[in-house]
Structure formats: C-alpha cells, structure tokens
Full PDB file with SEQRES, HELIX, SHEET, SSBOND, CRYST1, ORIGX, SCALE, CONECT and MASTER records, all heavy atoms in Angstrom:
SEQRES   1 A   32  VAL LYS LYS ILE LEU ILE VAL SER LEU THR THR THR SER          
SEQRES   2 A   32  VAL ILE GLY ILE LEU LEU MET GLY GLY ALA LEU ILE GLY          
SEQRES   3 A   32  ALA LYS VAL LEU ALA SER                                      
HELIX    1 AA1 LYS A    2  ILE A   25  1                                  24    
HELIX    2 AA2 ALA A   27  ALA A   31  1                                   5    
CRYST1    1.000    1.000    1.000  90.00  90.00  90.00 P 1           1          
ORIGX1      1.000000  0.000000  0.000000        0.00000                         
ORIGX2      0.000000  1.000000  0.000000        0.00000                         
ORIGX3      0.000000  0.000000  1.000000        0.00000                         
SCALE1      1.000000  0.000000  0.000000        0.00000                         
SCALE2      0.000000  1.000000  0.000000        0.00000                         
SCALE3      0.000000  0.000000  1.000000        0.00000                         
ATOM      1  N   VAL A   1     148.915 -37.279  55.413  1.00  0.00           N  
ATOM      2  CA  VAL A   1     149.675 -38.330  56.096  1.00  0.00           C  
ATOM      3  C   VAL A   1     150.780 -38.851  55.186  1.00  0.00           C  
ATOM      4  O   VAL A   1     151.919 -39.073  55.611  1.00  0.00           O  
ATOM      5  CB  VAL A   1     148.745 -39.488  56.525  1.00  0.00           C  
ATOM      6  CG1 VAL A   1     149.557 -40.646  57.100  1.00  0.00           C  
ATOM      7  CG2 VAL A   1     147.728 -38.995  57.559  1.00  0.00           C  
ATOM      8  N   LYS A   2     150.439 -39.033  53.902  1.00  0.00           N  
ATOM      9  CA  LYS A   2     151.421 -39.510  52.924  1.00  0.00           C  
ATOM     10  C   LYS A   2     152.592 -38.532  52.811  1.00  0.00           C  
ATOM     11  O   LYS A   2     153.765 -38.918  52.791  1.00  0.00           O  
ATOM     12  CB  LYS A   2     150.760 -39.705  51.572  1.00  0.00           C  
ATOM     13  CG  LYS A   2     151.666 -40.324  50.524  1.00  0.00           C  
ATOM     14  CD  LYS A   2     151.015 -40.303  49.147  1.00  0.00           C  
ATOM     15  CE  LYS A   2     149.766 -41.149  49.104  1.00  0.00           C  
ATOM     16  NZ  LYS A   2     149.211 -41.259  47.726  1.00  0.00           N  
ATOM     17  N   LYS A   3     152.275 -37.230  52.736  1.00  0.00           N  
ATOM     18  CA  LYS A   3     153.318 -36.219  52.646  1.00  0.00           C  
ATOM     19  C   LYS A   3     154.223 -36.243  53.884  1.00  0.00           C  
ATOM     20  O   LYS A   3     155.447 -36.119  53.778  1.00  0.00           O  
ATOM     21  CB  LYS A   3     152.690 -34.833  52.502  1.00  0.00           C  
ATOM     22  CG  LYS A   3     151.927 -34.605  51.217  1.00  0.00           C  
ATOM     23  CD  LYS A   3     151.308 -33.217  51.231  1.00  0.00           C  
ATOM     24  CE  LYS A   3     150.385 -33.008  50.049  1.00  0.00           C  
ATOM     25  NZ  LYS A   3     149.739 -31.673  50.096  1.00  0.00           N  
ATOM     26  N   ILE A   4     153.595 -36.393  55.047  1.00  0.00           N  
ATOM     27  CA  ILE A   4     154.361 -36.427  56.300  1.00  0.00           C  
ATOM     28  C   ILE A   4     155.376 -37.569  56.270  1.00  0.00           C  
ATOM     29  O   ILE A   4     156.551 -37.402  56.642  1.00  0.00           O  
ATOM     30  CB  ILE A   4     153.404 -36.580  57.510  1.00  0.00           C  
ATOM     31  CG1 ILE A   4     152.563 -35.312  57.686  1.00  0.00           C  
ATOM     32  CG2 ILE A   4     154.190 -36.879  58.787  1.00  0.00           C  
ATOM     33  CD1 ILE A   4     151.418 -35.468  58.664  1.00  0.00           C  
ATOM     34  N   LEU A   5     154.935 -38.725  55.806  1.00  0.00           N  
ATOM     35  CA  LEU A   5     155.826 -39.891  55.766  1.00  0.00           C  
ATOM     36  C   LEU A   5     156.951 -39.707  54.752  1.00  0.00           C  
ATOM     37  O   LEU A   5     158.108 -40.032  55.035  1.00  0.00           O  
ATOM     38  CB  LEU A   5     155.017 -41.145  55.432  1.00  0.00           C  
ATOM     39  CG  LEU A   5     154.138 -41.684  56.568  1.00  0.00           C  
ATOM     40  CD1 LEU A   5     153.229 -42.780  56.043  1.00  0.00           C  
ATOM     41  CD2 LEU A   5     154.989 -42.214  57.701  1.00  0.00           C  
ATOM     42  N   ILE A   6     156.626 -39.205  53.579  1.00  0.00           N  
ATOM     43  CA  ILE A   6     157.650 -39.030  52.538  1.00  0.00           C  
ATOM     44  C   ILE A   6     158.724 -38.058  52.999  1.00  0.00           C  
ATOM     45  O   ILE A   6     159.928 -38.333  52.907  1.00  0.00           O  
ATOM     46  CB  ILE A   6     157.009 -38.542  51.221  1.00  0.00           C  
ATOM     47  CG1 ILE A   6     156.141 -39.647  50.614  1.00  0.00           C  
ATOM     48  CG2 ILE A   6     158.075 -38.110  50.223  1.00  0.00           C  
ATOM     49  CD1 ILE A   6     155.349 -39.208  49.406  1.00  0.00           C  
ATOM     50  N   VAL A   7     158.295 -36.913  53.529  1.00  0.00           N  
ATOM     51  CA  VAL A   7     159.248 -35.897  53.979  1.00  0.00           C  
ATOM     52  C   VAL A   7     160.097 -36.433  55.142  1.00  0.00           C  
ATOM     53  O   VAL A   7     161.322 -36.253  55.172  1.00  0.00           O  
ATOM     54  CB  VAL A   7     158.499 -34.612  54.412  1.00  0.00           C  
ATOM     55  CG1 VAL A   7     159.456 -33.623  55.067  1.00  0.00           C  
ATOM     56  CG2 VAL A   7     157.827 -33.969  53.207  1.00  0.00           C  
ATOM     57  N   SER A   8     159.456 -37.119  56.074  1.00  0.00           N  
ATOM     58  CA  SER A   8     160.170 -37.609  57.253  1.00  0.00           C  
ATOM     59  C   SER A   8     161.191 -38.690  56.896  1.00  0.00           C  
ATOM     60  O   SER A   8     162.346 -38.643  57.344  1.00  0.00           O  
ATOM     61  CB  SER A   8     159.169 -38.173  58.267  1.00  0.00           C  
ATOM     62  OG  SER A   8     158.239 -37.191  58.648  1.00  0.00           O  
ATOM     63  N   LEU A   9     160.772 -39.671  56.095  1.00  0.00           N  
ATOM     64  CA  LEU A   9     161.677 -40.756  55.722  1.00  0.00           C  
ATOM     65  C   LEU A   9     162.857 -40.234  54.895  1.00  0.00           C  
ATOM     66  O   LEU A   9     164.004 -40.669  55.092  1.00  0.00           O  
ATOM     67  CB  LEU A   9     160.918 -41.825  54.937  1.00  0.00           C  
ATOM     68  CG  LEU A   9     160.017 -42.746  55.759  1.00  0.00           C  
ATOM     69  CD1 LEU A   9     159.131 -43.594  54.849  1.00  0.00           C  
ATOM     70  CD2 LEU A   9     160.842 -43.646  56.674  1.00  0.00           C  
ATOM     71  N   THR A  10     162.575 -39.307  53.995  1.00  0.00           N  
ATOM     72  CA  THR A  10     163.655 -38.744  53.183  1.00  0.00           C  
ATOM     73  C   THR A  10     164.665 -38.003  54.062  1.00  0.00           C  
ATOM     74  O   THR A  10     165.880 -38.181  53.938  1.00  0.00           O  
ATOM     75  CB  THR A  10     163.088 -37.778  52.119  1.00  0.00           C  
ATOM     76  OG1 THR A  10     162.154 -38.477  51.297  1.00  0.00           O  
ATOM     77  CG2 THR A  10     164.194 -37.222  51.250  1.00  0.00           C  
ATOM     78  N   THR A  11     164.143 -37.183  54.969  1.00  0.00           N  
ATOM     79  CA  THR A  11     165.007 -36.365  55.820  1.00  0.00           C  
ATOM     80  C   THR A  11     165.879 -37.225  56.724  1.00  0.00           C  
ATOM     81  O   THR A  11     167.113 -37.064  56.772  1.00  0.00           O  
ATOM     82  CB  THR A  11     164.157 -35.411  56.678  1.00  0.00           C  
ATOM     83  OG1 THR A  11     163.346 -34.594  55.825  1.00  0.00           O  
ATOM     84  CG2 THR A  11     165.043 -34.509  57.524  1.00  0.00           C  
ATOM     85  N   THR A  12     165.262 -38.144  57.449  1.00  0.00           N  
ATOM     86  CA  THR A  12     166.025 -38.938  58.408  1.00  0.00           C  
ATOM     87  C   THR A  12     166.983 -39.910  57.727  1.00  0.00           C  
ATOM     88  O   THR A  12     168.077 -40.160  58.234  1.00  0.00           O  
ATOM     89  CB  THR A  12     165.078 -39.728  59.329  1.00  0.00           C  
ATOM     90  OG1 THR A  12     164.202 -40.548  58.534  1.00  0.00           O  
ATOM     91  CG2 THR A  12     164.243 -38.802  60.185  1.00  0.00           C  
ATOM     92  N   SER A  13     166.585 -40.467  56.585  1.00  0.00           N  
ATOM     93  CA  SER A  13     167.458 -41.423  55.889  1.00  0.00           C  
ATOM     94  C   SER A  13     168.735 -40.750  55.395  1.00  0.00           C  
ATOM     95  O   SER A  13     169.846 -41.273  55.582  1.00  0.00           O  
ATOM     96  CB  SER A  13     166.720 -42.057  54.706  1.00  0.00           C  
ATOM     97  OG  SER A  13     165.607 -42.807  55.141  1.00  0.00           O  
ATOM     98  N   VAL A  14     168.582 -39.588  54.770  1.00  0.00           N  
ATOM     99  CA  VAL A  14     169.761 -38.880  54.254  1.00  0.00           C  
ATOM    100  C   VAL A  14     170.679 -38.464  55.395  1.00  0.00           C  
ATOM    101  O   VAL A  14     171.900 -38.690  55.352  1.00  0.00           O  
ATOM    102  CB  VAL A  14     169.318 -37.646  53.428  1.00  0.00           C  
ATOM    103  CG1 VAL A  14     170.526 -36.785  53.071  1.00  0.00           C  
ATOM    104  CG2 VAL A  14     168.601 -38.087  52.168  1.00  0.00           C  
ATOM    105  N   ILE A  15     170.093 -37.860  56.433  1.00  0.00           N  
ATOM    106  CA  ILE A  15     170.912 -37.417  57.559  1.00  0.00           C  
ATOM    107  C   ILE A  15     171.566 -38.604  58.253  1.00  0.00           C  
ATOM    108  O   ILE A  15     172.740 -38.545  58.652  1.00  0.00           O  
ATOM    109  CB  ILE A  15     170.049 -36.617  58.560  1.00  0.00           C  
ATOM    110  CG1 ILE A  15     169.564 -35.322  57.917  1.00  0.00           C  
ATOM    111  CG2 ILE A  15     170.849 -36.290  59.818  1.00  0.00           C  
ATOM    112  CD1 ILE A  15     168.627 -34.520  58.782  1.00  0.00           C  
ATOM    113  N   GLY A  16     170.817 -39.702  58.403  1.00  0.00           N  
ATOM    114  CA  GLY A  16     171.362 -40.878  59.080  1.00  0.00           C  
ATOM    115  C   GLY A  16     172.571 -41.464  58.372  1.00  0.00           C  
ATOM    116  O   GLY A  16     173.574 -41.795  59.011  1.00  0.00           O  
ATOM    117  N   ILE A  17     172.492 -41.581  57.058  1.00  0.00           N  
ATOM    118  CA  ILE A  17     173.612 -42.140  56.291  1.00  0.00           C  
ATOM    119  C   ILE A  17     174.831 -41.230  56.378  1.00  0.00           C  
ATOM    120  O   ILE A  17     175.973 -41.689  56.579  1.00  0.00           O  
ATOM    121  CB  ILE A  17     173.192 -42.361  54.828  1.00  0.00           C  
ATOM    122  CG1 ILE A  17     172.139 -43.468  54.746  1.00  0.00           C  
ATOM    123  CG2 ILE A  17     174.397 -42.724  53.968  1.00  0.00           C  
ATOM    124  CD1 ILE A  17     171.509 -43.629  53.379  1.00  0.00           C  
ATOM    125  N   LEU A  18     174.610 -39.917  56.254  1.00  0.00           N  
ATOM    126  CA  LEU A  18     175.723 -38.969  56.328  1.00  0.00           C  
ATOM    127  C   LEU A  18     176.378 -38.979  57.715  1.00  0.00           C  
ATOM    128  O   LEU A  18     177.614 -38.979  57.833  1.00  0.00           O  
ATOM    129  CB  LEU A  18     175.232 -37.557  55.998  1.00  0.00           C  
ATOM    130  CG  LEU A  18     174.796 -37.311  54.544  1.00  0.00           C  
ATOM    131  CD1 LEU A  18     174.223 -35.913  54.396  1.00  0.00           C  
ATOM    132  CD2 LEU A  18     175.969 -37.519  53.590  1.00  0.00           C  
ATOM    133  N   LEU A  19     175.549 -39.002  58.753  1.00  0.00           N  
ATOM    134  CA  LEU A  19     176.098 -38.995  60.110  1.00  0.00           C  
ATOM    135  C   LEU A  19     176.843 -40.286  60.424  1.00  0.00           C  
ATOM    136  O   LEU A  19     177.886 -40.259  61.083  1.00  0.00           O  
ATOM    137  CB  LEU A  19     174.973 -38.787  61.130  1.00  0.00           C  
ATOM    138  CG  LEU A  19     174.624 -37.339  61.473  1.00  0.00           C  
ATOM    139  CD1 LEU A  19     173.477 -37.303  62.472  1.00  0.00           C  
ATOM    140  CD2 LEU A  19     175.827 -36.603  62.038  1.00  0.00           C  
ATOM    141  N   MET A  20     176.317 -41.410  59.971  1.00  0.00           N  
ATOM    142  CA  MET A  20     177.008 -42.676  60.230  1.00  0.00           C  
ATOM    143  C   MET A  20     178.379 -42.676  59.560  1.00  0.00           C  
ATOM    144  O   MET A  20     179.379 -43.069  60.172  1.00  0.00           O  
ATOM    145  CB  MET A  20     176.183 -43.852  59.719  1.00  0.00           C  
ATOM    146  CG  MET A  20     176.825 -45.201  60.062  1.00  0.00           C  
ATOM    147  SD  MET A  20     175.933 -46.627  59.388  1.00  0.00           S  
ATOM    148  CE  MET A  20     176.312 -46.459  57.648  1.00  0.00           C  
ATOM    149  N   GLY A  21     178.433 -42.226  58.304  1.00  0.00           N  
ATOM    150  CA  GLY A  21     179.720 -42.159  57.623  1.00  0.00           C  
ATOM    151  C   GLY A  21     180.693 -41.232  58.321  1.00  0.00           C  
ATOM    152  O   GLY A  21     181.871 -41.570  58.530  1.00  0.00           O  
ATOM    153  N   GLY A  22     180.195 -40.056  58.730  1.00  0.00           N  
ATOM    154  CA  GLY A  22     181.056 -39.115  59.441  1.00  0.00           C  
ATOM    155  C   GLY A  22     181.525 -39.649  60.773  1.00  0.00           C  
ATOM    156  O   GLY A  22     182.680 -39.447  61.173  1.00  0.00           O  
ATOM    157  N   ALA A  23     180.616 -40.345  61.491  1.00  0.00           N  
ATOM    158  CA  ALA A  23     180.977 -40.892  62.801  1.00  0.00           C  
ATOM    159  C   ALA A  23     182.019 -41.993  62.676  1.00  0.00           C  
ATOM    160  O   ALA A  23     182.932 -42.095  63.505  1.00  0.00           O  
ATOM    161  CB  ALA A  23     179.729 -41.423  63.504  1.00  0.00           C  
ATOM    162  N   LEU A  24     181.884 -42.837  61.659  1.00  0.00           N  
ATOM    163  CA  LEU A  24     182.870 -43.906  61.466  1.00  0.00           C  
ATOM    164  C   LEU A  24     184.244 -43.328  61.131  1.00  0.00           C  
ATOM    165  O   LEU A  24     185.270 -43.791  61.635  1.00  0.00           O  
ATOM    166  CB  LEU A  24     182.409 -44.842  60.348  1.00  0.00           C  
ATOM    167  CG  LEU A  24     181.235 -45.771  60.688  1.00  0.00           C  
ATOM    168  CD1 LEU A  24     180.750 -46.498  59.440  1.00  0.00           C  
ATOM    169  CD2 LEU A  24     181.629 -46.778  61.768  1.00  0.00           C  
ATOM    170  N   ILE A  25     184.257 -42.295  60.291  1.00  0.00           N  
ATOM    171  CA  ILE A  25     185.531 -41.673  59.919  1.00  0.00           C  
ATOM    172  C   ILE A  25     186.160 -40.946  61.119  1.00  0.00           C  
ATOM    173  O   ILE A  25     187.374 -41.011  61.335  1.00  0.00           O  
ATOM    174  CB  ILE A  25     185.322 -40.694  58.747  1.00  0.00           C  
ATOM    175  CG1 ILE A  25     184.894 -41.472  57.492  1.00  0.00           C  
ATOM    176  CG2 ILE A  25     186.597 -39.898  58.462  1.00  0.00           C  
ATOM    177  CD1 ILE A  25     184.453 -40.582  56.343  1.00  0.00           C  
ATOM    178  N   GLY A  26     185.306 -40.268  61.887  1.00  0.00           N  
ATOM    179  CA  GLY A  26     185.826 -39.472  63.003  1.00  0.00           C  
ATOM    180  C   GLY A  26     185.712 -40.135  64.357  1.00  0.00           C  
ATOM    181  O   GLY A  26     185.739 -39.442  65.387  1.00  0.00           O  
ATOM    182  N   ALA A  27     185.589 -41.465  64.393  1.00  0.00           N  
ATOM    183  CA  ALA A  27     185.404 -42.166  65.668  1.00  0.00           C  
ATOM    184  C   ALA A  27     186.563 -41.937  66.625  1.00  0.00           C  
ATOM    185  O   ALA A  27     186.382 -41.750  67.835  1.00  0.00           O  
ATOM    186  CB  ALA A  27     185.208 -43.663  65.422  1.00  0.00           C  
ATOM    187  N   LYS A  28     187.779 -41.929  66.095  1.00  0.00           N  
ATOM    188  CA  LYS A  28     188.957 -41.715  66.942  1.00  0.00           C  
ATOM    189  C   LYS A  28     188.921 -40.336  67.592  1.00  0.00           C  
ATOM    190  O   LYS A  28     189.246 -40.171  68.772  1.00  0.00           O  
ATOM    191  CB  LYS A  28     190.225 -41.863  66.106  1.00  0.00           C  
ATOM    192  CG  LYS A  28     190.618 -43.295  65.784  1.00  0.00           C  
ATOM    193  CD  LYS A  28     191.248 -43.968  66.993  1.00  0.00           C  
ATOM    194  CE  LYS A  28     191.794 -45.348  66.628  1.00  0.00           C  
ATOM    195  NZ  LYS A  28     192.370 -46.032  67.814  1.00  0.00           N  
ATOM    196  N   VAL A  29     188.512 -39.341  66.796  1.00  0.00           N  
ATOM    197  CA  VAL A  29     188.438 -37.976  67.323  1.00  0.00           C  
ATOM    198  C   VAL A  29     187.354 -37.876  68.392  1.00  0.00           C  
ATOM    199  O   VAL A  29     187.560 -37.272  69.458  1.00  0.00           O  
ATOM    200  CB  VAL A  29     188.153 -36.980  66.178  1.00  0.00           C  
ATOM    201  CG1 VAL A  29     187.998 -35.562  66.722  1.00  0.00           C  
ATOM    202  CG2 VAL A  29     189.263 -37.037  65.145  1.00  0.00           C  
ATOM    203  N   LEU A  30     186.186 -38.467  68.114  1.00  0.00           N  
ATOM    204  CA  LEU A  30     185.100 -38.466  69.090  1.00  0.00           C  
ATOM    205  C   LEU A  30     185.541 -39.126  70.393  1.00  0.00           C  
ATOM    206  O   LEU A  30     185.237 -38.638  71.489  1.00  0.00           O  
ATOM    207  CB  LEU A  30     183.875 -39.198  68.521  1.00  0.00           C  
ATOM    208  CG  LEU A  30     183.103 -38.498  67.404  1.00  0.00           C  
ATOM    209  CD1 LEU A  30     182.046 -39.435  66.829  1.00  0.00           C  
ATOM    210  CD2 LEU A  30     182.449 -37.231  67.917  1.00  0.00           C  
ATOM    211  N   ALA A  31     186.246 -40.239  70.276  1.00  0.00           N  
ATOM    212  CA  ALA A  31     186.700 -40.959  71.467  1.00  0.00           C  
ATOM    213  C   ALA A  31     187.688 -40.120  72.274  1.00  0.00           C  
ATOM    214  O   ALA A  31     187.620 -40.069  73.506  1.00  0.00           O  
ATOM    215  CB  ALA A  31     187.344 -42.281  71.058  1.00  0.00           C  
ATOM    216  N   SER A  32     188.596 -39.436  71.586  1.00  0.00           N  
ATOM    217  CA  SER A  32     189.602 -38.639  72.295  1.00  0.00           C  
ATOM    218  C   SER A  32     188.986 -37.442  73.004  1.00  0.00           C  
ATOM    219  O   SER A  32     189.499 -36.986  74.030  1.00  0.00           O  
ATOM    220  CB  SER A  32     190.683 -38.169  71.314  1.00  0.00           C  
ATOM    221  OG  SER A  32     190.113 -37.309  70.331  1.00  0.00           O  
TER     222      SER A  32                                                      
MASTER        0    0    0    2    0    0    0    6  221    1    0    3          
END                                                                             
C-alpha cells in the first residue's frame, strides 16, 4: 500500500505541475 501511494503521488504531482505550466503558456493556442 505504501509503495502504491509513493508511486502514485510522485507520478501525478510531476505530471500535474508540468501540464499546468504548459497549459498556462499555451492557453491562447488551446483557446484558438
């Protein structure tokens, strides 16, 4: 259970931060 949580939190946190940054930078493109 501990391993599941560590792997999951690490994976989603890294991807979430990267995607948020990319989405903010490319918001105009996404909107168009």
